[in-house]
N, C-alpha and C. Protein backbone atom coordinates (compact mmCIF):
# COMPACT_ATOMS: atom_id res chain seq x y z
N UNK A 1 -29.09 -16.71 -19.60
CA UNK A 1 -28.25 -16.69 -20.88
C UNK A 1 -28.62 -18.16 -21.88
N UNK A 2 -28.00 -17.56 -23.39
CA UNK A 2 -28.73 -18.35 -23.94
C UNK A 2 -27.61 -19.70 -24.26
N UNK A 3 -28.60 -20.99 -24.68
CA UNK A 3 -28.46 -21.91 -24.46
C UNK A 3 -27.16 -22.68 -25.55
N UNK A 4 -26.18 -22.67 -25.49
CA UNK A 4 -25.36 -23.17 -26.57
C UNK A 4 -26.18 -23.83 -28.03
N UNK A 5 -27.31 -24.93 -27.83
CA UNK A 5 -27.69 -25.68 -28.66
C UNK A 5 -29.17 -25.13 -29.08
N UNK A 6 -29.32 -23.38 -28.69
CA UNK A 6 -30.46 -22.81 -28.85
C UNK A 6 -30.41 -22.68 -30.57
N UNK A 7 -31.80 -22.47 -31.14
CA UNK A 7 -32.18 -21.87 -32.80
C UNK A 7 -31.33 -21.07 -32.84
N UNK A 8 -30.80 -20.81 -33.88
CA UNK A 8 -29.71 -19.58 -34.35
C UNK A 8 -30.77 -18.46 -34.62
N UNK A 9 -30.11 -17.20 -34.37
CA UNK A 9 -31.10 -16.18 -34.20
C UNK A 9 -31.85 -16.05 -35.88
N UNK A 10 -33.04 -15.41 -36.18
CA UNK A 10 -33.86 -15.85 -37.48
C UNK A 10 -34.56 -17.03 -37.89
N UNK A 11 -34.24 -18.35 -36.88
CA UNK A 11 -34.94 -19.30 -37.09
C UNK A 11 -36.14 -19.19 -36.37
N UNK A 12 -36.83 -19.86 -37.27
CA UNK A 12 -38.33 -20.26 -36.90
C UNK A 12 -38.33 -21.29 -36.05
N UNK A 13 -39.48 -20.48 -35.30
CA UNK A 13 -39.05 -21.87 -33.78
C UNK A 13 -40.28 -22.80 -33.93
N UNK A 14 -41.30 -22.88 -34.92
CA UNK A 14 -42.64 -24.08 -35.27
C UNK A 14 -43.52 -23.76 -33.81
N UNK A 15 -44.52 -24.95 -34.00
CA UNK A 15 -45.01 -25.01 -32.72
C UNK A 15 -44.24 -25.53 -31.78
N UNK A 16 -44.78 -25.91 -30.21
CA UNK A 16 -44.19 -26.79 -29.60
C UNK A 16 -45.57 -28.08 -29.58
N UNK A 17 -46.36 -27.75 -30.02
CA UNK A 17 -47.82 -28.72 -29.89
C UNK A 17 -48.78 -27.96 -31.32
N UNK A 18 -49.19 -29.28 -31.72
CA UNK A 18 -50.00 -28.98 -32.81
C UNK A 18 -50.84 -28.22 -32.58
N UNK A 19 -51.95 -28.59 -31.50
CA UNK A 19 -52.88 -28.45 -30.64
C UNK A 19 -53.18 -27.18 -30.09
N UNK A 20 -51.89 -26.67 -29.76
CA UNK A 20 -51.99 -24.89 -28.81
C UNK A 20 -52.42 -24.26 -29.35
N UNK A 21 -53.07 -23.60 -28.65
CA UNK A 21 -54.19 -22.63 -28.88
C UNK A 21 -53.15 -21.41 -29.85
N UNK A 22 -52.13 -21.25 -28.86
CA UNK A 22 -51.36 -19.81 -29.12
C UNK A 22 -50.46 -20.69 -31.10
N UNK A 23 -49.60 -21.10 -30.89
CA UNK A 23 -48.69 -21.48 -32.13
C UNK A 23 -48.96 -22.86 -32.76
N UNK A 24 -50.01 -23.37 -32.44
CA UNK A 24 -50.49 -24.54 -33.07
C UNK A 24 -51.06 -24.28 -34.31
N UNK A 25 -50.53 -25.23 -35.44
CA UNK A 25 -51.26 -25.17 -36.95
C UNK A 25 -52.52 -25.65 -36.55
N UNK A 26 -53.02 -26.80 -35.88
CA UNK A 26 -53.82 -27.73 -35.71
C UNK A 26 -55.20 -27.20 -35.39
N UNK A 27 -54.94 -26.07 -35.02
CA UNK A 27 -56.02 -25.16 -33.68
C UNK A 27 -56.93 -24.21 -34.99
N UNK A 28 -58.55 -24.49 -35.60
CA UNK A 28 -58.67 -23.60 -36.74
C UNK A 28 -58.74 -22.43 -36.20
N UNK A 29 -59.40 -22.16 -34.98
CA UNK A 29 -59.53 -20.22 -34.46
C UNK A 29 -58.11 -20.20 -33.60
N UNK A 30 -57.02 -20.55 -33.48
CA UNK A 30 -56.17 -20.42 -32.97
C UNK A 30 -55.50 -19.31 -33.49
N UNK A 31 -54.47 -18.82 -32.83
CA UNK A 31 -53.32 -17.68 -33.11
C UNK A 31 -52.35 -17.98 -34.63
N UNK A 32 -52.09 -18.80 -34.17
CA UNK A 32 -51.18 -19.41 -35.59
C UNK A 32 -49.55 -18.40 -34.84
N UNK A 33 -49.55 -18.05 -34.08
CA UNK A 33 -48.33 -17.45 -33.75
C UNK A 33 -46.71 -17.73 -34.40
N UNK A 34 -46.59 -17.03 -35.17
CA UNK A 34 -45.04 -17.45 -35.82
C UNK A 34 -43.49 -16.80 -34.92
N UNK A 35 -43.17 -17.63 -34.04
CA UNK A 35 -41.91 -16.77 -34.01
C UNK A 35 -40.56 -17.06 -33.86
N UNK A 36 -39.83 -16.40 -34.29
CA UNK A 36 -38.27 -16.28 -34.24
C UNK A 36 -37.45 -16.33 -33.31
N UNK A 37 -36.63 -16.78 -33.36
CA UNK A 37 -35.03 -16.68 -32.56
C UNK A 37 -34.59 -15.09 -32.67
N UNK A 38 -33.98 -14.69 -31.69
CA UNK A 38 -33.38 -13.58 -31.85
C UNK A 38 -31.79 -13.28 -31.66
N UNK A 39 -31.51 -12.24 -31.16
CA UNK A 39 -29.80 -12.64 -30.74
C UNK A 39 -30.38 -12.41 -29.45
N UNK A 40 -29.34 -12.96 -28.66
CA UNK A 40 -29.19 -13.19 -26.88
C UNK A 40 -30.30 -13.77 -26.78
N UNK A 41 -31.22 -13.65 -25.68
CA UNK A 41 -32.18 -14.46 -25.25
C UNK A 41 -33.26 -13.63 -25.45
N UNK A 42 -33.55 -13.52 -26.92
CA UNK A 42 -35.03 -12.68 -27.22
C UNK A 42 -35.50 -13.63 -28.46
N UNK A 43 -36.69 -13.38 -28.77
CA UNK A 43 -37.20 -13.47 -29.97
C UNK A 43 -38.29 -12.43 -30.70
N UNK A 44 -38.59 -12.89 -31.93
CA UNK A 44 -39.67 -11.95 -32.73
C UNK A 44 -40.68 -12.47 -33.06
N UNK A 45 -42.20 -11.85 -33.02
CA UNK A 45 -43.26 -13.37 -33.40
C UNK A 45 -44.22 -12.12 -34.11
N UNK A 46 -45.05 -12.74 -34.57
CA UNK A 46 -46.37 -11.69 -35.17
C UNK A 46 -48.05 -12.42 -35.42
N UNK A 47 -48.96 -12.41 -35.30
CA UNK A 47 -50.03 -12.96 -35.79
C UNK A 47 -50.49 -11.97 -36.15
N UNK A 48 -51.64 -12.15 -37.34
CA UNK A 48 -52.60 -11.67 -37.37
C UNK A 48 -54.00 -11.52 -37.04
N UNK A 49 -54.70 -10.69 -36.38
CA UNK A 49 -56.03 -10.63 -35.73
C UNK A 49 -57.13 -11.51 -36.95
N UNK A 50 -58.09 -11.91 -36.33
CA UNK A 50 -58.94 -12.72 -37.28
C UNK A 50 -60.23 -12.22 -36.80
N UNK A 51 -61.65 -12.38 -37.31
CA UNK A 51 -62.27 -11.84 -36.72
C UNK A 51 -63.07 -13.02 -35.96
N UNK A 52 -62.00 -14.07 -35.49
CA UNK A 52 -62.63 -15.18 -34.90
C UNK A 52 -61.60 -14.97 -33.49
N UNK A 53 -61.17 -13.44 -33.13
CA UNK A 53 -60.37 -13.23 -32.16
C UNK A 53 -60.46 -11.78 -31.67
N UNK A 54 -62.03 -11.45 -31.92
CA UNK A 54 -62.49 -10.27 -31.67
C UNK A 54 -63.21 -10.33 -30.34
N UNK A 55 -63.24 -9.33 -29.84
CA UNK A 55 -64.45 -8.82 -28.18
C UNK A 55 -65.87 -7.87 -28.63
N UNK A 56 -65.15 -6.67 -28.68
CA UNK A 56 -65.95 -5.38 -29.05
C UNK A 56 -65.72 -5.44 -30.73
N UNK A 57 -67.00 -4.78 -31.42
CA UNK A 57 -67.02 -5.36 -32.71
C UNK A 57 -65.59 -4.65 -33.35
N UNK A 58 -64.60 -5.43 -34.20
CA UNK A 58 -63.98 -5.38 -34.96
C UNK A 58 -62.51 -4.74 -33.90
N UNK A 59 -62.57 -5.16 -32.90
CA UNK A 59 -61.51 -5.06 -32.41
C UNK A 59 -61.08 -6.30 -31.58
N UNK A 60 -59.76 -6.62 -31.45
CA UNK A 60 -59.14 -8.01 -30.94
C UNK A 60 -59.57 -7.64 -29.42
N UNK A 61 -60.25 -9.31 -28.81
CA UNK A 61 -60.37 -9.09 -27.45
C UNK A 61 -58.98 -8.90 -26.53
N UNK A 62 -59.22 -8.76 -25.61
CA UNK A 62 -58.05 -8.43 -24.89
C UNK A 62 -57.34 -9.47 -24.08
N UNK A 63 -57.99 -11.02 -23.83
CA UNK A 63 -58.04 -11.87 -23.36
C UNK A 63 -56.88 -12.93 -24.68
N UNK A 64 -56.93 -12.48 -26.23
CA UNK A 64 -56.48 -13.22 -27.40
C UNK A 64 -55.05 -12.36 -27.26
N UNK A 65 -54.57 -11.17 -27.06
CA UNK A 65 -54.23 -10.05 -27.11
C UNK A 65 -52.83 -10.92 -25.56
N UNK A 66 -53.74 -10.84 -24.81
CA UNK A 66 -52.68 -11.59 -23.74
C UNK A 66 -52.19 -12.95 -23.66
N UNK A 67 -52.78 -13.65 -24.49
CA UNK A 67 -52.42 -14.94 -24.77
C UNK A 67 -51.56 -14.63 -25.75
N UNK A 68 -51.63 -13.73 -26.99
CA UNK A 68 -50.38 -13.96 -27.89
C UNK A 68 -48.93 -13.47 -27.07
N UNK A 69 -48.89 -12.17 -26.00
CA UNK A 69 -48.01 -12.22 -25.52
C UNK A 69 -47.75 -13.34 -24.53
N UNK A 70 -48.26 -14.36 -23.87
CA UNK A 70 -48.03 -15.17 -23.11
C UNK A 70 -47.32 -16.09 -24.23
N UNK A 71 -47.79 -16.64 -25.49
CA UNK A 71 -47.29 -17.60 -26.23
C UNK A 71 -45.98 -17.11 -26.76
N UNK A 72 -45.93 -15.86 -26.76
CA UNK A 72 -44.38 -14.98 -27.32
C UNK A 72 -43.51 -15.22 -26.17
N UNK A 73 -43.85 -15.00 -24.95
CA UNK A 73 -42.75 -14.96 -23.76
C UNK A 73 -42.42 -16.31 -23.26
N UNK A 74 -43.28 -17.23 -23.67
CA UNK A 74 -43.03 -19.00 -23.21
C UNK A 74 -42.13 -19.41 -24.51
N UNK A 75 -42.65 -18.59 -25.89
CA UNK A 75 -41.20 -18.94 -26.61
C UNK A 75 -39.78 -18.80 -26.55
N UNK A 76 -39.67 -17.95 -25.70
CA UNK A 76 -38.13 -17.21 -24.87
C UNK A 76 -37.73 -19.16 -24.40
N UNK A 77 -38.44 -19.56 -24.24
CA UNK A 77 -37.91 -21.09 -23.45
C UNK A 77 -36.90 -21.81 -24.63
N UNK A 78 -37.48 -21.88 -25.43
CA UNK A 78 -36.96 -22.30 -26.48
C UNK A 78 -35.11 -22.13 -26.60
N UNK A 79 -34.71 -20.95 -26.55
CA UNK A 79 -33.23 -20.64 -26.55
C UNK A 79 -32.82 -20.27 -25.21
N UNK A 80 -33.22 -21.41 -23.98
CA UNK A 80 -33.36 -21.35 -22.93
C UNK A 80 -32.66 -22.93 -22.72
N UNK A 81 -33.37 -23.74 -23.80
CA UNK A 81 -33.89 -24.84 -23.59
C UNK A 81 -34.68 -25.44 -22.31
N UNK A 82 -35.29 -25.07 -22.09
CA UNK A 82 -35.83 -25.27 -20.24
C UNK A 82 -37.25 -25.33 -20.96
N UNK A 83 -37.85 -26.32 -19.83
CA UNK A 83 -39.36 -26.22 -20.23
C UNK A 83 -39.66 -25.72 -18.86
N UNK A 84 -40.83 -24.89 -18.85
CA UNK A 84 -41.42 -23.85 -18.41
C UNK A 84 -42.79 -23.83 -18.31
N UNK A 85 -43.69 -22.97 -17.42
CA UNK A 85 -45.18 -22.44 -17.81
C UNK A 85 -45.09 -21.46 -16.95
N UNK A 86 -46.32 -21.02 -17.39
CA UNK A 86 -46.25 -19.45 -16.89
C UNK A 86 -46.77 -19.06 -15.09
N UNK A 87 -46.04 -18.83 -14.37
CA UNK A 87 -46.72 -18.51 -13.06
C UNK A 87 -47.66 -16.88 -12.96
N UNK A 88 -46.78 -15.72 -13.72
CA UNK A 88 -47.17 -14.57 -13.66
C UNK A 88 -47.22 -14.19 -14.76
N UNK A 89 -48.60 -13.30 -15.57
CA UNK A 89 -48.15 -12.68 -16.82
C UNK A 89 -49.18 -11.13 -16.13
N UNK A 90 -48.71 -10.32 -16.49
CA UNK A 90 -48.95 -8.48 -15.78
C UNK A 90 -49.14 -8.00 -17.28
N UNK A 91 -50.09 -7.93 -17.74
CA UNK A 91 -50.57 -7.12 -19.65
C UNK A 91 -51.39 -5.61 -18.89
N UNK A 92 -50.41 -4.91 -19.91
CA UNK A 92 -50.83 -3.61 -20.00
C UNK A 92 -51.43 -3.21 -21.34
N UNK A 93 -52.86 -2.70 -21.40
CA UNK A 93 -53.45 -2.73 -22.90
C UNK A 93 -53.39 -1.09 -22.99
N UNK A 94 -52.43 -0.87 -24.30
CA UNK A 94 -51.96 0.39 -24.11
C UNK A 94 -52.95 1.51 -25.18
N UNK A 95 -53.50 0.62 -26.35
CA UNK A 95 -54.33 1.07 -27.25
C UNK A 95 -54.82 -0.20 -27.82
N UNK A 96 -56.08 -0.26 -28.84
CA UNK A 96 -57.08 -1.18 -28.97
C UNK A 96 -56.22 -1.28 -30.51
N UNK A 97 -56.57 -2.49 -30.57
CA UNK A 97 -55.74 -3.29 -31.83
C UNK A 97 -56.93 -4.34 -33.19
N UNK A 98 -57.43 -2.95 -33.80
CA UNK A 98 -58.32 -3.95 -34.69
C UNK A 98 -58.07 -5.21 -35.65
N UNK A 99 -59.68 -6.04 -35.77
CA UNK A 99 -59.34 -7.10 -36.70
C UNK A 99 -58.66 -6.63 -37.84
N UNK A 100 -58.20 -7.64 -38.28
CA UNK A 100 -57.06 -7.42 -39.55
C UNK A 100 -55.61 -7.07 -39.35
N UNK A 101 -55.42 -6.51 -38.29
CA UNK A 101 -54.58 -5.84 -37.62
C UNK A 101 -53.24 -7.24 -37.58
N UNK A 102 -51.88 -7.22 -37.98
CA UNK A 102 -50.64 -7.98 -37.85
C UNK A 102 -49.98 -7.08 -36.14
N UNK A 103 -49.81 -7.75 -34.98
CA UNK A 103 -49.40 -7.42 -34.06
C UNK A 103 -48.04 -8.09 -34.34
N UNK A 104 -47.07 -6.73 -34.60
CA UNK A 104 -45.45 -7.28 -34.22
C UNK A 104 -44.92 -7.19 -32.75
N UNK A 105 -44.77 -9.04 -32.22
CA UNK A 105 -44.42 -9.00 -30.72
C UNK A 105 -42.82 -9.08 -30.76
N UNK A 106 -41.89 -8.26 -29.62
CA UNK A 106 -40.58 -9.00 -29.22
C UNK A 106 -40.95 -9.21 -27.56
N UNK A 107 -40.05 -10.02 -26.89
CA UNK A 107 -39.57 -10.92 -26.27
C UNK A 107 -38.37 -10.99 -25.71
N UNK A 108 -37.90 -10.87 -24.85
CA UNK A 108 -36.30 -10.99 -24.00
C UNK A 108 -36.74 -11.56 -22.57
N UNK A 109 -35.55 -12.21 -22.46
CA UNK A 109 -35.30 -12.98 -20.40
C UNK A 109 -34.58 -11.62 -20.18
N UNK A 110 -35.36 -11.09 -18.78
CA UNK A 110 -34.28 -10.45 -18.20
C UNK A 110 -33.48 -10.98 -16.87
N UNK A 111 -34.30 -11.88 -16.37
CA UNK A 111 -33.50 -12.57 -15.45
C UNK A 111 -33.79 -14.04 -15.53
N UNK A 112 -32.61 -14.70 -14.46
CA UNK A 112 -33.48 -15.98 -13.78
C UNK A 112 -32.53 -16.27 -13.25
N UNK A 113 -33.41 -16.19 -12.41
CA UNK A 113 -33.03 -16.96 -10.74
C UNK A 113 -33.55 -18.45 -10.25
N UNK A 114 -32.25 -19.12 -10.25
CA UNK A 114 -33.05 -20.89 -9.90
C UNK A 114 -34.13 -21.33 -10.98
N UNK A 115 -34.82 -21.86 -10.50
CA UNK A 115 -36.12 -22.09 -11.85
C UNK A 115 -37.00 -21.19 -11.92
N UNK A 116 -36.95 -19.40 -11.92
CA UNK A 116 -37.57 -18.75 -12.19
C UNK A 116 -37.01 -17.93 -13.21
N UNK A 117 -37.94 -17.45 -14.53
CA UNK A 117 -37.23 -17.00 -15.39
C UNK A 117 -38.26 -15.64 -15.40
N UNK A 118 -37.51 -14.87 -15.41
CA UNK A 118 -38.44 -13.09 -15.57
C UNK A 118 -38.37 -12.88 -17.22
N UNK A 119 -39.16 -11.93 -17.70
CA UNK A 119 -39.08 -11.64 -18.97
C UNK A 119 -39.74 -10.88 -19.35
N UNK A 120 -40.17 -10.02 -20.47
CA UNK A 120 -40.73 -8.95 -20.60
C UNK A 120 -41.06 -8.74 -22.39
N UNK A 121 -42.30 -8.15 -22.98
CA UNK A 121 -42.56 -8.40 -23.85
C UNK A 121 -43.47 -7.21 -24.23
N UNK A 122 -43.63 -6.98 -25.81
CA UNK A 122 -44.33 -5.68 -26.13
C UNK A 122 -44.78 -6.33 -27.76
N UNK A 123 -46.12 -5.47 -28.15
CA UNK A 123 -46.73 -5.97 -29.18
C UNK A 123 -46.80 -4.32 -30.20
N UNK A 124 -46.42 -4.37 -30.80
CA UNK A 124 -46.68 -3.40 -31.63
C UNK A 124 -47.36 -3.58 -33.41
N UNK A 125 -48.00 -2.37 -33.43
CA UNK A 125 -49.14 -2.41 -34.30
C UNK A 125 -48.29 -1.10 -35.38
N UNK A 126 -48.38 -1.84 -36.95
CA UNK A 126 -48.17 -0.99 -37.99
C UNK A 126 -46.83 -1.32 -38.08
N UNK A 127 -46.12 -2.31 -37.81
CA UNK A 127 -44.78 -2.98 -38.27
C UNK A 127 -43.78 -2.72 -36.54
N UNK A 128 -43.03 -3.55 -36.93
CA UNK A 128 -41.88 -3.59 -35.96
C UNK A 128 -41.32 -2.17 -35.10
N UNK A 129 -41.55 -1.53 -35.77
CA UNK A 129 -41.14 0.10 -35.11
C UNK A 129 -42.40 0.75 -34.66
N UNK A 130 -43.88 0.08 -34.75
CA UNK A 130 -45.07 0.82 -34.77
C UNK A 130 -44.82 1.09 -33.23
N UNK A 131 -46.38 2.03 -32.91
CA UNK A 131 -46.57 2.02 -31.75
C UNK A 131 -46.82 0.91 -30.37
N UNK A 132 -46.72 0.85 -29.71
CA UNK A 132 -46.67 -0.07 -28.60
C UNK A 132 -48.10 -0.33 -28.57
N UNK A 133 -48.94 -1.55 -28.92
CA UNK A 133 -50.31 -1.54 -28.47
C UNK A 133 -50.75 -2.15 -27.09
N UNK A 134 -49.91 -3.26 -26.79
CA UNK A 134 -49.85 -4.04 -25.34
C UNK A 134 -48.20 -4.53 -25.20
N UNK A 135 -48.20 -4.73 -23.78
CA UNK A 135 -46.61 -4.99 -23.54
C UNK A 135 -47.38 -6.08 -22.48
N UNK A 136 -46.19 -6.85 -21.56
CA UNK A 136 -46.29 -7.84 -20.71
C UNK A 136 -44.97 -7.85 -19.89
N UNK A 137 -45.27 -8.63 -18.58
CA UNK A 137 -43.99 -8.54 -17.82
C UNK A 137 -44.59 -9.83 -17.57
N UNK A 138 -43.24 -11.37 -17.20
CA UNK A 138 -44.04 -12.32 -16.83
C UNK A 138 -43.66 -13.07 -16.14
N UNK A 139 -43.25 -13.92 -15.10
CA UNK A 139 -42.64 -15.06 -14.41
C UNK A 139 -42.92 -16.13 -14.53
N UNK A 140 -41.81 -16.97 -15.70
CA UNK A 140 -42.07 -18.33 -15.98
C UNK A 140 -41.10 -19.19 -14.87
N UNK A 141 -41.80 -20.76 -14.64
CA UNK A 141 -41.46 -21.70 -13.26
C UNK A 141 -41.11 -22.64 -14.44
N UNK A 142 -39.83 -22.95 -14.49
CA UNK A 142 -38.89 -24.19 -14.61
C UNK A 142 -39.85 -25.79 -14.64
N UNK A 143 -40.58 -26.41 -14.77
CA UNK A 143 -40.70 -27.74 -14.68
C UNK A 143 -40.43 -28.47 -15.25
N UNK A 144 -40.43 -30.11 -14.91
CA UNK A 144 -39.82 -31.09 -15.88
C UNK A 144 -41.35 -31.44 -16.47
N UNK A 145 -40.82 -32.52 -17.55
CA UNK A 145 -42.03 -32.81 -18.55
C UNK A 145 -43.12 -33.66 -17.34
N UNK A 146 -43.01 -34.27 -16.14
CA UNK A 146 -43.98 -34.83 -15.33
C UNK A 146 -45.00 -34.22 -15.25
N UNK A 147 -44.80 -32.65 -14.94
CA UNK A 147 -45.85 -32.34 -14.98
C UNK A 147 -47.07 -32.01 -15.30
N UNK A 148 -46.95 -31.94 -17.21
CA UNK A 148 -47.61 -32.16 -18.23
C UNK A 148 -48.48 -33.69 -18.02
N UNK A 149 -47.55 -34.70 -18.15
CA UNK A 149 -47.81 -36.28 -17.51
C UNK A 149 -49.15 -36.09 -16.30
N UNK A 150 -48.62 -35.55 -15.34
CA UNK A 150 -49.54 -35.44 -14.11
C UNK A 150 -50.82 -34.71 -14.27
N UNK A 151 -50.30 -33.88 -14.39
CA UNK A 151 -51.78 -33.03 -15.02
C UNK A 151 -52.74 -32.74 -16.26
N UNK A 152 -52.36 -33.70 -17.68
CA UNK A 152 -52.93 -33.50 -18.67
C UNK A 152 -54.19 -34.47 -18.78
N UNK A 153 -54.59 -34.60 -20.20
CA UNK A 153 -55.51 -35.48 -20.47
C UNK A 153 -54.58 -36.72 -21.31
N UNK A 154 -54.96 -37.88 -20.51
CA UNK A 154 -54.23 -39.46 -21.41
C UNK A 154 -54.14 -38.99 -22.63
N UNK A 155 -55.52 -38.91 -22.96
CA UNK A 155 -55.72 -38.77 -25.22
C UNK A 155 -54.52 -38.06 -25.22
N UNK A 156 -54.64 -36.98 -25.23
CA UNK A 156 -53.44 -36.21 -25.88
C UNK A 156 -51.98 -35.98 -25.61
N UNK A 157 -52.15 -36.76 -24.05
CA UNK A 157 -50.37 -37.02 -23.81
C UNK A 157 -50.10 -38.18 -24.39
N UNK A 158 -51.00 -39.36 -24.68
CA UNK A 158 -50.63 -40.43 -26.05
C UNK A 158 -50.09 -39.81 -27.12
N UNK A 159 -51.38 -39.02 -27.76
CA UNK A 159 -50.72 -38.58 -29.18
C UNK A 159 -49.61 -37.97 -28.88
N UNK A 160 -49.36 -37.05 -28.39
CA UNK A 160 -47.92 -36.42 -28.69
C UNK A 160 -47.06 -36.98 -28.17
N UNK A 161 -46.32 -38.30 -27.50
CA UNK A 161 -45.88 -38.88 -27.09
C UNK A 161 -45.86 -39.71 -28.44
N UNK A 162 -46.26 -40.21 -29.28
CA UNK A 162 -47.22 -41.05 -29.87
C UNK A 162 -46.19 -40.51 -31.58
N UNK A 163 -46.33 -38.75 -31.44
CA UNK A 163 -45.98 -37.98 -32.67
C UNK A 163 -44.36 -38.01 -32.33
N UNK A 164 -43.45 -38.25 -33.56
CA UNK A 164 -42.39 -38.19 -33.66
C UNK A 164 -41.96 -36.99 -33.55
N UNK A 165 -42.28 -36.13 -34.45
CA UNK A 165 -41.65 -34.74 -33.83
C UNK A 165 -41.74 -34.04 -32.81
N UNK A 166 -42.68 -34.65 -31.89
CA UNK A 166 -42.54 -34.13 -30.31
C UNK A 166 -41.89 -34.76 -29.68
N UNK A 167 -41.06 -36.17 -29.78
CA UNK A 167 -40.47 -36.73 -29.21
C UNK A 167 -39.23 -36.08 -29.99
N UNK A 168 -38.61 -35.80 -30.94
CA UNK A 168 -37.86 -35.15 -31.06
C UNK A 168 -37.42 -33.89 -30.53
N UNK A 169 -38.35 -33.11 -30.34
CA UNK A 169 -38.65 -31.64 -29.90
C UNK A 169 -38.33 -31.85 -28.11
N UNK A 170 -38.81 -33.02 -27.45
CA UNK A 170 -38.74 -33.63 -26.19
C UNK A 170 -37.17 -33.51 -25.91
N UNK A 171 -36.52 -34.32 -27.27
CA UNK A 171 -35.03 -35.13 -27.26
C UNK A 171 -34.14 -34.06 -26.93
N UNK A 172 -34.65 -32.67 -27.61
CA UNK A 172 -33.98 -31.33 -27.60
C UNK A 172 -33.82 -30.54 -26.35
N UNK A 173 -34.77 -30.51 -25.87
CA UNK A 173 -34.68 -30.44 -24.20
C UNK A 173 -34.00 -31.39 -23.25
N UNK A 174 -33.53 -32.52 -23.82
CA UNK A 174 -32.93 -33.50 -22.80
C UNK A 174 -33.69 -34.15 -21.64
N UNK A 175 -34.98 -33.84 -22.04
CA UNK A 175 -35.70 -34.69 -21.26
C UNK A 175 -36.37 -36.43 -22.04
N UNK A 176 -36.88 -37.10 -21.62
CA UNK A 176 -37.35 -38.16 -21.80
C UNK A 176 -39.00 -38.64 -21.58
N UNK A 177 -39.82 -38.56 -22.54
CA UNK A 177 -41.18 -38.42 -22.41
C UNK A 177 -41.67 -39.57 -21.78
């Protein structure tokens, strides 16, 4: 169920961390994926495949497409106000995605059981109603902020903790960095 303090439908979610390859604006070759809250526990997102995202000549690398799906699915946790990490990501590649294409993504939570969050996503080409190019089902596992503190690199952890925007986001999730 959507958290009562979740971002409103249509609200841009923003990056959870500036250096994140999926959503961070400080990653020059990242996806710069822009996600918006949807109705219920759903979001929409999009990103444009650039030349640095290609695998085969002129086509998006499959790992990049999987990353876009993973980032989109992970963004659902903003609506639950839960910190979670990917436990499993099952991806289907339906059709090639050319460089220059904007991938329109939709994701929704399908179930929550204890610390487990189940979700599904699709990526379409040619617009939000275009044909499905990729799709994924995922399992996210709720974690405490200590997961990142215990496993991350000290330099990046300190930079995030010294960033007022990161502290604001952490407080929104009722955690103490």
